Amino acid sequence: MRLRVDLVLEIDGPAELTEAAEGRIDGDEFMPEEERVQARAAAREDSAEALAYLVEPFDLIREVPGIEMVQASWSTEEVEYDPDALEWDLGEEDGEAEDGEDTEDTEDMDGDGRA
């Protein structure tokens, strides 16, 4: 089963975020020093990178009974947030309407394969 979670965050304390990320990086006993230097630089240059070092997907499901995390991946990116834009409409996901009907675009195609 795949669980998808999209979070939109506003960073109002970039210095605190960077400091926390550097603390996490410095505290990672398994990270090689060369990688640690690169990670610190990335966290200082980009708040999205700093955030990526602080987010732990396992924390979302740690207390959920009857499951085992098999794989986790996540990414961060800076985006312009417009709550009225269609891309932020959380009412319909992955082309499925609330009634379960598929809502993927189905445009008529003419004979040459173009819409």
C-alpha atoms as a PDB file:
ATOM      1  CA  MET A   1       0.000   0.000   0.000  1.00  0.00           C
ATOM      2  CA  ARG A   2       1.234   3.506  -0.772  1.00  0.00           C
ATOM      3  CA  LEU A   3       0.347   6.408   1.505  1.00  0.00           C
ATOM      4  CA  ARG A   4       0.813   9.823  -0.090  1.00  0.00           C
ATOM      5  CA  VAL A   5       1.044  12.919   2.046  1.00  0.00           C
ATOM      6  CA  ASP A   6       1.533  16.434   0.671  1.00  0.00           C
ATOM      7  CA  LEU A   7       2.425  19.134   3.147  1.00  0.00           C
ATOM      8  CA  VAL A   8       2.684  22.822   2.324  1.00  0.00           C
ATOM      9  CA  LEU A   9       4.758  24.690   4.880  1.00  0.00           C
ATOM     10  CA  GLU A  10       5.575  28.339   5.301  1.00  0.00           C
ATOM     11  CA  ILE A  11       9.107  28.912   6.555  1.00  0.00           C
ATOM     12  CA  ASP A  12       9.039  31.893   8.872  1.00  0.00           C
ATOM     13  CA  GLY A  13      12.360  31.151  10.585  1.00  0.00           C
ATOM     14  CA  PRO A  14      14.938  30.124   7.973  1.00  0.00           C
ATOM     15  CA  ALA A  15      17.866  30.642  10.356  1.00  0.00           C
ATOM     16  CA  GLU A  16      16.288  28.377  12.975  1.00  0.00           C
ATOM     17  CA  LEU A  17      15.497  25.796  10.316  1.00  0.00           C
ATOM     18  CA  THR A  18      19.087  25.803   9.064  1.00  0.00           C
ATOM     19  CA  GLU A  19      20.458  25.587  12.606  1.00  0.00           C
ATOM     20  CA  ALA A  20      18.237  22.603  13.397  1.00  0.00           C
ATOM     21  CA  ALA A  21      19.249  20.871  10.162  1.00  0.00           C
ATOM     22  CA  GLU A  22      22.936  21.400  10.902  1.00  0.00           C
ATOM     23  CA  GLY A  23      22.382  19.959  14.376  1.00  0.00           C
ATOM     24  CA  ARG A  24      20.742  16.876  12.881  1.00  0.00           C
ATOM     25  CA  ILE A  25      23.541  16.512  10.316  1.00  0.00           C
ATOM     26  CA  ASP A  26      26.245  16.906  12.974  1.00  0.00           C
ATOM     27  CA  GLY A  27      24.489  14.366  15.197  1.00  0.00           C
ATOM     28  CA  ASP A  28      24.281  11.683  12.497  1.00  0.00           C
ATOM     29  CA  GLU A  29      26.972   9.245  13.599  1.00  0.00           C
ATOM     30  CA  PHE A  30      26.660   7.197  10.413  1.00  0.00           C
ATOM     31  CA  MET A  31      27.196  10.074   7.950  1.00  0.00           C
ATOM     32  CA  PRO A  32      30.746  10.179   6.531  1.00  0.00           C
ATOM     33  CA  GLU A  33      32.555  13.498   7.081  1.00  0.00           C
ATOM     34  CA  GLU A  34      32.755  14.298   3.360  1.00  0.00           C
ATOM     35  CA  GLU A  35      28.996  13.855   3.027  1.00  0.00           C
ATOM     36  CA  ARG A  36      28.462  15.867   6.226  1.00  0.00           C
ATOM     37  CA  VAL A  37      30.330  18.866   4.757  1.00  0.00           C
ATOM     38  CA  GLN A  38      28.206  18.738   1.595  1.00  0.00           C
ATOM     39  CA  ALA A  39      25.001  18.317   3.605  1.00  0.00           C
ATOM     40  CA  ARG A  40      25.765  21.343   5.792  1.00  0.00           C
ATOM     41  CA  ALA A  41      26.463  23.478   2.713  1.00  0.00           C
ATOM     42  CA  ALA A  42      23.226  22.343   1.039  1.00  0.00           C
ATOM     43  CA  ALA A  43      21.198  23.086   4.192  1.00  0.00           C
ATOM     44  CA  ARG A  44      22.709  26.592   4.439  1.00  0.00           C
ATOM     45  CA  GLU A  45      21.977  27.388   0.784  1.00  0.00           C
ATOM     46  CA  ASP A  46      18.427  26.055   0.517  1.00  0.00           C
ATOM     47  CA  SER A  47      15.648  25.897   3.121  1.00  0.00           C
ATOM     48  CA  ALA A  48      14.082  22.986   1.243  1.00  0.00           C
ATOM     49  CA  GLU A  49      17.309  21.006   1.685  1.00  0.00           C
ATOM     50  CA  ALA A  50      17.431  21.934   5.365  1.00  0.00           C
ATOM     51  CA  LEU A  51      13.870  20.706   5.796  1.00  0.00           C
ATOM     52  CA  ALA A  52      14.682  17.414   4.077  1.00  0.00           C
ATOM     53  CA  TYR A  53      17.268  16.658   6.773  1.00  0.00           C
ATOM     54  CA  LEU A  54      14.682  17.202   9.503  1.00  0.00           C
ATOM     55  CA  VAL A  55      11.714  15.247   8.127  1.00  0.00           C
ATOM     56  CA  GLU A  56      11.429  11.599   9.119  1.00  0.00           C
ATOM     57  CA  PRO A  57       8.596   9.733   7.336  1.00  0.00           C
ATOM     58  CA  PHE A  58       8.660   6.970   9.939  1.00  0.00           C
ATOM     59  CA  ASP A  59       7.385   9.483  12.504  1.00  0.00           C
ATOM     60  CA  LEU A  60       4.074   9.662  10.607  1.00  0.00           C
ATOM     61  CA  ILE A  61       3.332   5.970  11.066  1.00  0.00           C
ATOM     62  CA  ARG A  62       5.346   5.018  14.161  1.00  0.00           C
ATOM     63  CA  GLU A  63       2.235   4.447  16.312  1.00  0.00           C
ATOM     64  CA  VAL A  64       0.074   2.749  13.645  1.00  0.00           C
ATOM     65  CA  PRO A  65      -0.563  -0.902  14.588  1.00  0.00           C
ATOM     66  CA  GLY A  66      -0.376  -3.758  12.115  1.00  0.00           C
ATOM     67  CA  ILE A  67       1.955  -2.183   9.568  1.00  0.00           C
ATOM     68  CA  GLU A  68       5.624  -2.243   8.717  1.00  0.00           C
ATOM     69  CA  MET A  69       7.322   0.401   6.596  1.00  0.00           C
ATOM     70  CA  VAL A  70       8.924  -1.288   3.611  1.00  0.00           C
ATOM     71  CA  GLN A  71      10.264   1.784   1.839  1.00  0.00           C
ATOM     72  CA  ALA A  72      10.133   5.538   2.267  1.00  0.00           C
ATOM     73  CA  SER A  73      11.114   8.408   0.044  1.00  0.00           C
ATOM     74  CA  TRP A  74      10.428  12.095   0.165  1.00  0.00           C
ATOM     75  CA  SER A  75      11.551  15.278  -1.426  1.00  0.00           C
ATOM     76  CA  THR A  76      11.267  18.968  -0.759  1.00  0.00           C
ATOM     77  CA  GLU A  77      10.947  21.893  -3.110  1.00  0.00           C
ATOM     78  CA  GLU A  78      10.135  25.549  -2.887  1.00  0.00           C
ATOM     79  CA  VAL A  79       6.790  26.325  -4.498  1.00  0.00           C
ATOM     80  CA  GLU A  80       4.525  29.306  -4.866  1.00  0.00           C
ATOM     81  CA  TYR A  81       1.376  28.496  -2.924  1.00  0.00           C
ATOM     82  CA  ASP A  82      -1.962  29.703  -4.236  1.00  0.00           C
ATOM     83  CA  PRO A  83      -4.801  28.019  -2.340  1.00  0.00           C
ATOM     84  CA  ASP A  84      -7.189  28.838  -5.197  1.00  0.00           C
ATOM     85  CA  ALA A  85      -5.065  27.131  -7.874  1.00  0.00           C
ATOM     86  CA  LEU A  86      -6.265  23.776  -9.185  1.00  0.00           C
ATOM     87  CA  GLU A  87      -2.991  22.042  -8.304  1.00  0.00           C
ATOM     88  CA  TRP A  88      -3.745  22.641  -4.594  1.00  0.00           C
ATOM     89  CA  ASP A  89      -7.308  21.275  -4.763  1.00  0.00           C
ATOM     90  CA  LEU A  90      -7.207  18.372  -2.338  1.00  0.00           C
ATOM     91  CA  GLY A  91     -10.827  17.362  -2.978  1.00  0.00           C
ATOM     92  CA  GLU A  92      -9.956  15.080  -5.895  1.00  0.00           C
ATOM     93  CA  GLU A  93      -6.765  13.011  -6.034  1.00  0.00           C
ATOM     94  CA  ASP A  94      -5.207  10.974  -8.813  1.00  0.00           C
ATOM     95  CA  GLY A  95      -8.106  11.418 -11.238  1.00  0.00           C
ATOM     96  CA  GLU A  96     -10.695   9.924  -8.904  1.00  0.00           C
ATOM     97  CA  ALA A  97     -13.836  11.850  -7.991  1.00  0.00           C
ATOM     98  CA  GLU A  98     -15.514  11.588  -4.604  1.00  0.00           C
ATOM     99  CA  ASP A  99     -17.999   9.051  -5.950  1.00  0.00           C
ATOM    100  CA  GLY A 100     -15.138   6.829  -7.111  1.00  0.00           C
ATOM    101  CA  GLU A 101     -15.586   7.590 -10.809  1.00  0.00           C
ATOM    102  CA  ASP A 102     -12.460   8.135 -12.863  1.00  0.00           C
ATOM    103  CA  THR A 103     -12.118  11.813 -13.820  1.00  0.00           C
ATOM    104  CA  GLU A 104      -9.059  11.631 -16.061  1.00  0.00           C
ATOM    105  CA  ASP A 105      -9.216  13.880 -19.090  1.00  0.00           C
ATOM    106  CA  THR A 106     -10.688  12.021 -22.046  1.00  0.00           C
ATOM    107  CA  GLU A 107     -10.359  14.245 -25.062  1.00  0.00           C
ATOM    108  CA  ASP A 108     -11.577  13.066 -28.450  1.00  0.00           C
ATOM    109  CA  MET A 109      -8.621  12.212 -30.622  1.00  0.00           C
ATOM    110  CA  ASP A 110      -8.783  12.682 -34.362  1.00  0.00           C
ATOM    111  CA  GLY A 111      -7.095  10.245 -36.700  1.00  0.00           C
ATOM    112  CA  ASP A 112      -3.644  11.820 -36.470  1.00  0.00           C
ATOM    113  CA  GLY A 113      -3.243  11.222 -32.710  1.00  0.00           C
ATOM    114  CA  ARG A 114      -3.617  14.870 -31.717  1.00  0.00           C
ATOM    115  CA  ALA A 115      -6.330  16.234 -29.479  1.00  0.00           C
END
